[in-house]
Amino acid sequence: MKTSKRAQSVPPSATMAVATRAKELKAQGVDVVSYGAGEPDFDTPDYIKNAAIEAMKAGKTGYTATPGIPELRKAISDKLLRDNGLKYTPEQIIVNIGAKHSVYESMQAVLDEGDEVILPRPYWVTYPETIKLAGGIAKVVETDPENSYKLTPDLLKKAITKKTAMLLINSPNNPGGFAYTPDELEAIAQALEGTDIMVLSDEIYERLVYGDTEFVSFASLSDDAYNRTITINGFSKAYAMTGWRLGYTAGPLEVIKAMGRLQSHMTQNPVSFAQAAAVAAFAEPNDEVEKMRLEFEKRGNYMAERLNAVDGIKCRKPTGAFYCFPDVSAHYGRTIDGVKIENSMDFASTLLDKANVALVPGGPFGCDNNVRLSFACSMEQITKGLDRIEKWLKS
């Protein structure tokens, strides 16, 4: 059976592969602790679910406008002004089928064949594939672990060529668990002045920052940054709405119009009653979001502390998102439980098979010395899994 070269060139998502394997083992009765998927373990707040139910009862189950219902685009516009200091009209906003779709569609709308996209490592596993599918070339920038893997103006300038069309920034970062400071982002914005390079700023973890970390939207840094930035966000992480599949994109009007033309042929509109629920998400106070954030912060601090107490593991305390991204490369070359560990894939697969702990190898994120652990699971599960990791590494 023939399949396209395009489809053959795209590997499955590493995070989803780990989550799927963990679920298979659980279905077989195996007691698996999973740190794999980036999905909150909290349920969607009741007021959001109730809004969807009421919308369905009211018959809001048909097609909507391709870029989203006017009420939601206006709510997003109000949110961006209120929370981020960004003045976008509703016409500059499109609602997508999850933020992953936002990333994919924005790449399709902007990139031409052979365009280069500067991609600092570590990067979310989907970024290189969306760039590739749009005909672009991912130009990976090697960042410094001692600087929390953050892009600097000097690294950025060295990566720019005549073919550079876009810079992709993800803060707070998946998988790195770090967030850029306002000063760091401002320095990057200044380095781009005088160029025609666009910025795709993925801000899906905006609400999940810890300690004294201050979140800032890239487009809010200056008029120049605003004019070149495509801002991506959504409801999955902050509002525990992963299965609802709602993301949104805000940016230059011509880009949003281009995305709308593509979306009209790809998917048409986002789910009608899910959009009504999203309007409700913005209408209520953020008390539920803050409860989740505080719990994630407690778990992240605990996980990092426990990991750093294990010989051969180095882990920075997370300042954003819900991931720890420890360096485990000191264990490469060892034989553990009869298996020689050479890389992050060996580490992750052997840990799952021998100790029933699922985590994601760092190789697909561009950092093979590392593995990613999500702390979007209960403290009981976190403790149990870390106990198993420590015991396995001592075996």
Protein backbone atom coordinates (compact mmCIF):
# COMPACT_ATOMS: atom_id res chain seq x y z
CA MET A 1 0.00 0.00 0.00
CA LYS A 2 1.41 3.39 -1.00
CA THR A 3 1.84 6.17 1.52
CA SER A 4 3.25 9.58 0.76
CA LYS A 5 6.85 10.54 1.34
CA ARG A 6 5.50 13.42 3.39
CA ALA A 7 3.74 11.06 5.80
CA GLN A 8 6.72 8.71 5.90
CA SER A 9 9.02 11.58 6.91
CA VAL A 10 7.07 12.38 10.07
CA PRO A 11 7.74 10.22 13.14
CA PRO A 12 5.00 9.64 15.73
CA SER A 13 4.95 11.99 18.70
CA ALA A 14 7.40 10.74 21.33
CA THR A 15 5.20 12.00 24.16
CA MET A 16 2.09 10.29 22.82
CA ALA A 17 4.05 7.08 22.17
CA VAL A 18 5.12 6.92 25.81
CA ALA A 19 1.61 7.69 27.04
CA THR A 20 0.15 5.01 24.77
CA ARG A 21 2.65 2.36 25.91
CA ALA A 22 1.98 3.23 29.55
CA LYS A 23 -1.78 2.87 29.01
CA GLU A 24 -1.27 -0.49 27.32
CA LEU A 25 0.69 -1.78 30.31
CA LYS A 26 -1.92 -0.43 32.72
CA ALA A 27 -4.62 -2.22 30.74
CA GLN A 28 -2.64 -5.43 31.28
CA GLY A 29 -2.76 -4.88 35.02
CA VAL A 30 0.76 -3.47 35.41
CA ASP A 31 1.14 -0.77 38.08
CA VAL A 32 2.73 1.93 35.92
CA VAL A 33 3.66 5.40 37.14
CA SER A 34 3.46 7.71 34.14
CA TYR A 35 5.26 11.03 33.87
CA GLY A 36 4.65 11.07 30.13
CA ALA A 37 1.83 13.18 28.73
CA GLY A 38 1.59 16.93 29.24
CA GLU A 39 -1.94 16.82 30.55
CA PRO A 40 -3.22 18.23 33.86
CA ASP A 41 -4.59 15.58 36.20
CA PHE A 42 -7.33 18.01 37.24
CA ASP A 43 -10.80 17.88 35.74
CA THR A 44 -12.20 20.76 33.70
CA PRO A 45 -13.92 23.17 36.14
CA ASP A 46 -17.66 22.61 36.45
CA TYR A 47 -18.63 26.11 35.33
CA ILE A 48 -16.92 25.46 31.98
CA LYS A 49 -18.59 22.08 31.53
CA ASN A 50 -21.97 23.54 32.44
CA ALA A 51 -21.59 26.26 29.81
CA ALA A 52 -21.04 23.58 27.14
CA ILE A 53 -24.09 21.63 28.34
CA GLU A 54 -26.27 24.75 28.24
CA ALA A 55 -25.01 25.56 24.75
CA MET A 56 -25.96 22.09 23.53
CA LYS A 57 -29.38 22.36 25.15
CA ALA A 58 -29.84 25.70 23.40
CA GLY A 59 -29.17 24.03 20.06
CA LYS A 60 -25.72 25.52 19.48
CA THR A 61 -24.52 22.40 17.69
CA GLY A 62 -24.19 23.55 14.08
CA TYR A 63 -21.47 25.14 12.01
CA THR A 64 -20.05 28.44 13.19
CA ALA A 65 -17.91 31.03 11.44
CA THR A 66 -14.59 29.47 10.42
CA PRO A 67 -12.38 31.62 12.71
CA GLY A 68 -14.68 31.12 15.71
CA ILE A 69 -17.85 32.63 17.13
CA PRO A 70 -17.76 36.42 17.54
CA GLU A 71 -18.32 36.16 21.31
CA LEU A 72 -15.19 34.04 21.77
CA ARG A 73 -12.97 36.13 19.52
CA LYS A 74 -14.10 39.21 21.44
CA ALA A 75 -13.45 37.44 24.77
CA ILE A 76 -9.95 36.51 23.61
CA SER A 77 -9.34 40.08 22.45
CA ASP A 78 -10.42 41.38 25.87
CA LYS A 79 -8.22 38.80 27.63
CA LEU A 80 -5.13 39.71 25.61
CA LEU A 81 -5.61 43.39 26.42
CA ARG A 82 -6.40 42.80 30.10
CA ASP A 83 -3.72 40.24 30.88
CA ASN A 84 -1.01 40.89 28.31
CA GLY A 85 -1.32 44.52 27.26
CA LEU A 86 -1.94 43.45 23.65
CA LYS A 87 -4.42 45.33 21.46
CA TYR A 88 -5.79 42.83 18.96
CA THR A 89 -9.15 43.32 17.29
CA PRO A 90 -11.38 40.20 17.05
CA GLU A 91 -10.55 40.15 13.32
CA GLN A 92 -6.90 39.59 14.25
CA ILE A 93 -7.81 36.40 16.13
CA ILE A 94 -8.62 32.90 14.91
CA VAL A 95 -9.76 29.99 17.07
CA ASN A 96 -8.13 26.67 16.15
CA ILE A 97 -8.57 22.98 16.98
CA GLY A 98 -6.09 23.09 19.85
CA ALA A 99 -2.83 25.05 20.05
CA LYS A 100 -1.07 22.26 18.14
CA HIS A 101 -3.34 23.11 15.21
CA SER A 102 -2.50 26.80 15.75
CA VAL A 103 1.20 26.03 15.34
CA TYR A 104 0.64 23.88 12.26
CA GLU A 105 -1.69 26.32 10.55
CA SER A 106 0.48 29.37 11.24
CA MET A 107 3.48 27.59 9.70
CA GLN A 108 1.41 26.72 6.64
CA ALA A 109 0.25 30.33 6.34
CA VAL A 110 3.71 31.92 6.60
CA LEU A 111 6.46 29.58 5.37
CA ASP A 112 7.52 28.93 1.80
CA GLU A 113 9.68 26.08 0.54
CA GLY A 114 13.21 26.40 1.88
CA ASP A 115 12.46 29.06 4.50
CA GLU A 116 14.48 28.63 7.69
CA VAL A 117 12.99 28.70 11.17
CA ILE A 118 15.33 29.30 14.09
CA LEU A 119 14.49 26.68 16.71
CA PRO A 120 16.30 26.82 20.06
CA ARG A 121 16.78 23.51 21.80
CA PRO A 122 15.14 21.98 23.73
CA TYR A 123 12.03 22.20 21.61
CA TRP A 124 8.62 20.57 21.70
CA VAL A 125 8.65 17.45 19.53
CA THR A 126 5.96 18.78 17.18
CA TYR A 127 7.82 21.95 16.14
CA PRO A 128 10.35 20.39 13.73
CA GLU A 129 7.61 18.33 12.09
CA THR A 130 5.27 21.28 11.53
CA ILE A 131 8.16 23.23 10.02
CA LYS A 132 9.01 20.30 7.75
CA LEU A 133 5.39 19.81 6.65
CA ALA A 134 5.21 23.50 5.68
CA GLY A 135 8.28 23.09 3.47
CA GLY A 136 10.55 24.92 5.89
CA ILE A 137 13.88 23.98 7.41
CA ALA A 138 14.40 23.86 11.17
CA LYS A 139 17.67 25.55 12.08
CA VAL A 140 18.34 24.18 15.56
CA VAL A 141 20.35 26.42 17.88
CA GLU A 142 22.49 24.66 20.48
CA THR A 143 21.81 26.39 23.78
CA ASP A 144 23.80 26.23 27.01
CA PRO A 145 22.49 24.03 29.87
CA GLU A 146 24.23 26.36 32.32
CA ASN A 147 21.99 29.16 31.03
CA SER A 148 18.87 26.99 31.45
CA TYR A 149 18.94 26.25 27.70
CA LYS A 150 17.81 29.78 26.86
CA LEU A 151 18.41 31.50 23.54
CA THR A 152 20.60 34.61 23.76
CA PRO A 153 20.90 37.54 21.33
CA ASP A 154 24.39 36.40 20.33
CA LEU A 155 23.21 32.88 19.53
CA LEU A 156 20.27 34.32 17.61
CA LYS A 157 22.41 36.64 15.49
CA LYS A 158 24.79 33.81 14.59
CA ALA A 159 21.86 31.67 13.41
CA ILE A 160 20.33 34.27 11.09
CA THR A 161 20.86 33.79 7.35
CA LYS A 162 19.30 35.24 4.20
CA LYS A 163 16.79 32.37 4.33
CA THR A 164 15.63 33.00 7.92
CA ALA A 165 11.89 33.61 7.93
CA MET A 166 10.90 32.93 11.53
CA LEU A 167 12.05 32.54 15.12
CA LEU A 168 10.09 30.17 17.33
CA ILE A 169 9.96 31.05 21.02
CA ASN A 170 8.20 28.87 23.61
CA SER A 171 8.03 30.39 27.10
CA PRO A 172 7.25 28.85 29.55
CA ASN A 173 9.04 26.03 27.83
CA ASN A 174 8.07 22.46 27.07
CA PRO A 175 10.10 20.34 27.81
CA GLY A 176 12.60 22.53 29.64
CA GLY A 177 10.38 23.75 32.47
CA PHE A 178 11.90 27.24 32.29
CA ALA A 179 10.58 30.68 31.38
CA TYR A 180 12.40 33.64 29.87
CA THR A 181 12.53 36.81 31.94
CA PRO A 182 11.13 40.03 30.46
CA ASP A 183 14.68 41.39 30.09
CA GLU A 184 15.81 38.26 28.24
CA LEU A 185 12.91 38.48 25.81
CA GLU A 186 13.45 42.21 25.32
CA ALA A 187 17.07 41.59 24.37
CA ILE A 188 15.95 39.03 21.78
CA ALA A 189 13.35 41.45 20.42
CA GLN A 190 15.99 44.16 20.05
CA ALA A 191 18.27 41.75 18.19
CA LEU A 192 15.52 41.22 15.60
CA GLU A 193 14.96 44.92 14.90
CA GLY A 194 15.85 45.85 11.34
CA THR A 195 15.08 42.36 10.04
CA ASP A 196 11.92 40.98 8.42
CA ILE A 197 11.97 37.82 10.58
CA MET A 198 8.62 36.84 12.05
CA VAL A 199 8.29 35.44 15.58
CA LEU A 200 5.98 32.62 16.55
CA SER A 201 5.49 32.91 20.31
CA ASP A 202 3.89 29.81 21.82
CA GLU A 203 2.46 30.92 25.18
CA ILE A 204 0.26 27.93 26.01
CA TYR A 205 1.79 27.61 29.52
CA GLU A 206 1.33 31.31 30.30
CA ARG A 207 -0.61 30.73 33.53
CA LEU A 208 1.83 28.17 34.91
CA VAL A 209 4.80 30.11 36.29
CA TYR A 210 6.41 29.67 39.70
CA GLY A 211 8.40 31.52 42.31
CA ASP A 212 9.15 35.11 41.29
CA THR A 213 8.87 34.31 37.59
CA GLU A 214 7.09 37.04 35.64
CA PHE A 215 5.36 36.11 32.39
CA VAL A 216 5.37 38.56 29.50
CA SER A 217 3.98 38.16 25.98
CA PHE A 218 6.64 38.65 23.32
CA ALA A 219 4.39 40.88 21.21
CA SER A 220 3.97 43.31 24.13
CA LEU A 221 7.67 44.21 24.29
CA SER A 222 7.58 46.93 21.62
CA ASP A 223 5.73 48.10 18.53
CA ASP A 224 8.33 46.31 16.42
CA ALA A 225 7.80 43.05 18.32
CA TYR A 226 4.03 43.42 18.03
CA ASN A 227 4.16 43.85 14.25
CA ARG A 228 6.29 40.75 13.67
CA THR A 229 4.76 38.33 16.21
CA ILE A 230 2.19 35.56 15.88
CA THR A 231 0.92 34.81 19.39
CA ILE A 232 -0.38 31.31 20.14
CA ASN A 233 -2.27 30.24 23.25
CA GLY A 234 -5.15 28.01 24.27
CA PHE A 235 -7.25 26.46 27.00
CA SER A 236 -5.70 23.00 27.44
CA LYS A 237 -3.13 23.63 30.16
CA ALA A 238 -4.48 26.48 32.29
CA TYR A 239 -8.11 25.34 32.29
CA ALA A 240 -7.52 21.56 32.14
CA MET A 241 -9.33 21.41 28.78
CA THR A 242 -6.97 19.15 26.83
CA GLY A 243 -9.73 17.06 25.25
CA TRP A 244 -11.81 20.07 24.25
CA ARG A 245 -9.26 20.96 21.54
CA LEU A 246 -9.34 24.74 21.56
CA GLY A 247 -6.39 26.95 20.79
CA TYR A 248 -6.16 30.44 19.36
CA THR A 249 -3.83 32.60 17.32
CA ALA A 250 -3.50 36.39 17.32
CA GLY A 251 -1.31 38.40 14.99
CA PRO A 252 -1.04 40.55 11.88
CA LEU A 253 -4.35 40.68 10.05
CA GLU A 254 -3.00 39.28 6.78
CA VAL A 255 -1.61 36.21 8.59
CA ILE A 256 -4.88 35.56 10.42
CA LYS A 257 -6.84 35.91 7.18
CA ALA A 258 -4.49 33.43 5.49
CA MET A 259 -4.98 30.99 8.37
CA GLY A 260 -8.74 31.41 8.02
CA ARG A 261 -8.59 30.50 4.34
CA LEU A 262 -6.59 27.37 5.15
CA GLN A 263 -8.84 26.42 8.06
CA SER A 264 -11.96 26.74 5.91
CA HIS A 265 -10.65 23.81 3.87
CA MET A 266 -8.93 21.87 6.68
CA THR A 267 -11.39 21.68 9.55
CA GLN A 268 -13.98 24.45 9.13
CA ASN A 269 -14.86 25.75 12.60
CA PRO A 270 -13.88 24.61 16.09
CA VAL A 271 -16.60 22.65 17.94
CA SER A 272 -19.53 24.99 18.49
CA PHE A 273 -20.45 24.17 22.10
CA ALA A 274 -16.77 23.94 23.11
CA GLN A 275 -16.43 27.56 22.02
CA ALA A 276 -19.29 28.52 24.32
CA ALA A 277 -17.43 26.81 27.16
CA ALA A 278 -14.30 28.80 26.34
CA VAL A 279 -16.23 32.06 26.60
CA ALA A 280 -17.29 30.97 30.10
CA ALA A 281 -13.67 30.11 30.99
CA PHE A 282 -12.66 33.74 30.50
CA ALA A 283 -15.80 35.13 32.17
CA GLU A 284 -15.15 33.61 35.60
CA PRO A 285 -12.41 34.56 38.11
CA ASN A 286 -9.19 32.54 37.85
CA ASP A 287 -9.57 30.88 41.26
CA GLU A 288 -9.54 27.33 39.84
CA VAL A 289 -6.54 28.12 37.67
CA GLU A 290 -4.64 29.50 40.65
CA LYS A 291 -5.39 26.39 42.74
CA MET A 292 -3.90 24.23 39.99
CA ARG A 293 -0.90 26.51 39.62
CA LEU A 294 -0.08 26.38 43.32
CA GLU A 295 -0.35 22.60 43.36
CA PHE A 296 1.90 22.28 40.30
CA GLU A 297 4.47 24.55 41.93
CA LYS A 298 4.56 22.38 45.06
CA ARG A 299 4.94 19.21 43.00
CA GLY A 300 7.63 20.67 40.75
CA ASN A 301 9.76 21.81 43.66
CA TYR A 302 9.46 18.40 45.30
CA MET A 303 10.27 16.50 42.12
CA ALA A 304 13.36 18.60 41.38
CA GLU A 305 14.60 18.23 44.96
CA ARG A 306 14.18 14.46 44.87
CA LEU A 307 15.86 14.12 41.46
CA ASN A 308 18.86 16.19 42.55
CA ALA A 309 19.28 13.88 45.54
CA VAL A 310 19.87 10.92 43.19
CA ASP A 311 23.49 10.25 42.22
CA GLY A 312 24.18 11.10 38.59
CA ILE A 313 21.10 13.26 38.03
CA LYS A 314 21.14 17.05 37.68
CA CYS A 315 17.86 18.94 37.57
CA ARG A 316 17.04 22.65 37.65
CA LYS A 317 14.00 23.72 39.64
CA PRO A 318 11.18 24.40 37.16
CA THR A 319 10.03 27.99 36.82
CA GLY A 320 7.24 27.34 34.32
CA ALA A 321 5.03 24.69 32.65
CA PHE A 322 4.78 21.35 34.51
CA TYR A 323 7.97 19.53 33.59
CA CYS A 324 11.31 18.64 35.07
CA PHE A 325 14.04 18.10 32.48
CA PRO A 326 16.96 16.44 34.30
CA ASP A 327 20.31 15.55 32.78
CA VAL A 328 20.78 11.79 33.29
CA SER A 329 23.77 11.34 30.97
CA ALA A 330 26.08 10.40 33.87
CA HIS A 331 24.37 7.00 33.72
CA TYR A 332 25.08 6.44 30.02
CA GLY A 333 27.52 3.60 29.50
CA ARG A 334 26.23 1.74 32.56
CA THR A 335 24.54 -1.63 32.45
CA ILE A 336 21.37 -1.51 34.54
CA ASP A 337 19.15 -4.54 35.02
CA GLY A 338 21.11 -6.29 32.28
CA VAL A 339 20.64 -3.50 29.72
CA LYS A 340 23.41 -1.15 28.59
CA ILE A 341 22.20 2.44 28.68
CA GLU A 342 23.64 4.47 25.80
CA ASN A 343 21.15 7.30 25.36
CA SER A 344 17.89 8.82 26.54
CA MET A 345 15.79 6.31 24.60
CA ASP A 346 17.58 3.40 26.30
CA PHE A 347 17.10 5.10 29.65
CA ALA A 348 13.38 5.67 29.14
CA SER A 349 12.50 2.32 27.57
CA THR A 350 14.47 0.29 30.12
CA LEU A 351 13.02 2.24 33.03
CA LEU A 352 9.52 1.50 31.75
CA ASP A 353 10.20 -2.19 31.16
CA LYS A 354 12.15 -2.86 34.36
CA ALA A 355 10.73 -0.40 36.89
CA ASN A 356 7.31 0.43 35.39
CA VAL A 357 7.96 4.19 35.25
CA ALA A 358 7.10 6.07 32.06
CA LEU A 359 8.95 9.25 31.13
CA VAL A 360 9.90 10.80 27.79
CA PRO A 361 13.42 10.57 26.29
CA GLY A 362 15.10 13.91 25.60
CA GLY A 363 16.39 12.99 22.15
CA PRO A 364 13.17 13.96 20.31
CA PHE A 365 13.32 17.31 22.15
CA GLY A 366 16.85 17.95 20.85
CA CYS A 367 18.61 17.13 24.14
CA ASP A 368 19.68 13.48 24.32
CA ASN A 369 21.39 13.96 27.70
CA ASN A 370 18.01 14.63 29.28
CA VAL A 371 14.63 13.04 29.98
CA ARG A 372 11.32 14.79 30.61
CA LEU A 373 9.11 14.10 33.61
CA SER A 374 5.69 15.69 33.87
CA PHE A 375 4.50 16.53 37.38
CA ALA A 376 0.91 16.84 36.21
CA CYS A 377 0.06 13.83 38.34
CA SER A 378 -0.67 13.29 42.03
CA MET A 379 1.98 13.71 44.71
CA GLU A 380 1.44 10.06 45.60
CA GLN A 381 2.33 9.01 42.04
CA ILE A 382 5.29 11.38 41.93
CA THR A 383 6.70 9.93 45.16
CA LYS A 384 6.12 6.32 44.09
CA GLY A 385 7.78 6.84 40.71
CA LEU A 386 10.80 8.66 42.12
CA ASP A 387 11.29 5.87 44.65
CA ARG A 388 11.32 3.39 41.77
CA ILE A 389 13.78 5.46 39.72
CA GLU A 390 16.16 5.74 42.65
CA LYS A 391 15.97 1.99 43.33
CA TRP A 392 16.43 1.14 39.63
CA LEU A 393 19.52 3.32 39.27
CA LYS A 394 21.06 1.59 42.30
CA SER A 395 20.45 -1.89 40.85
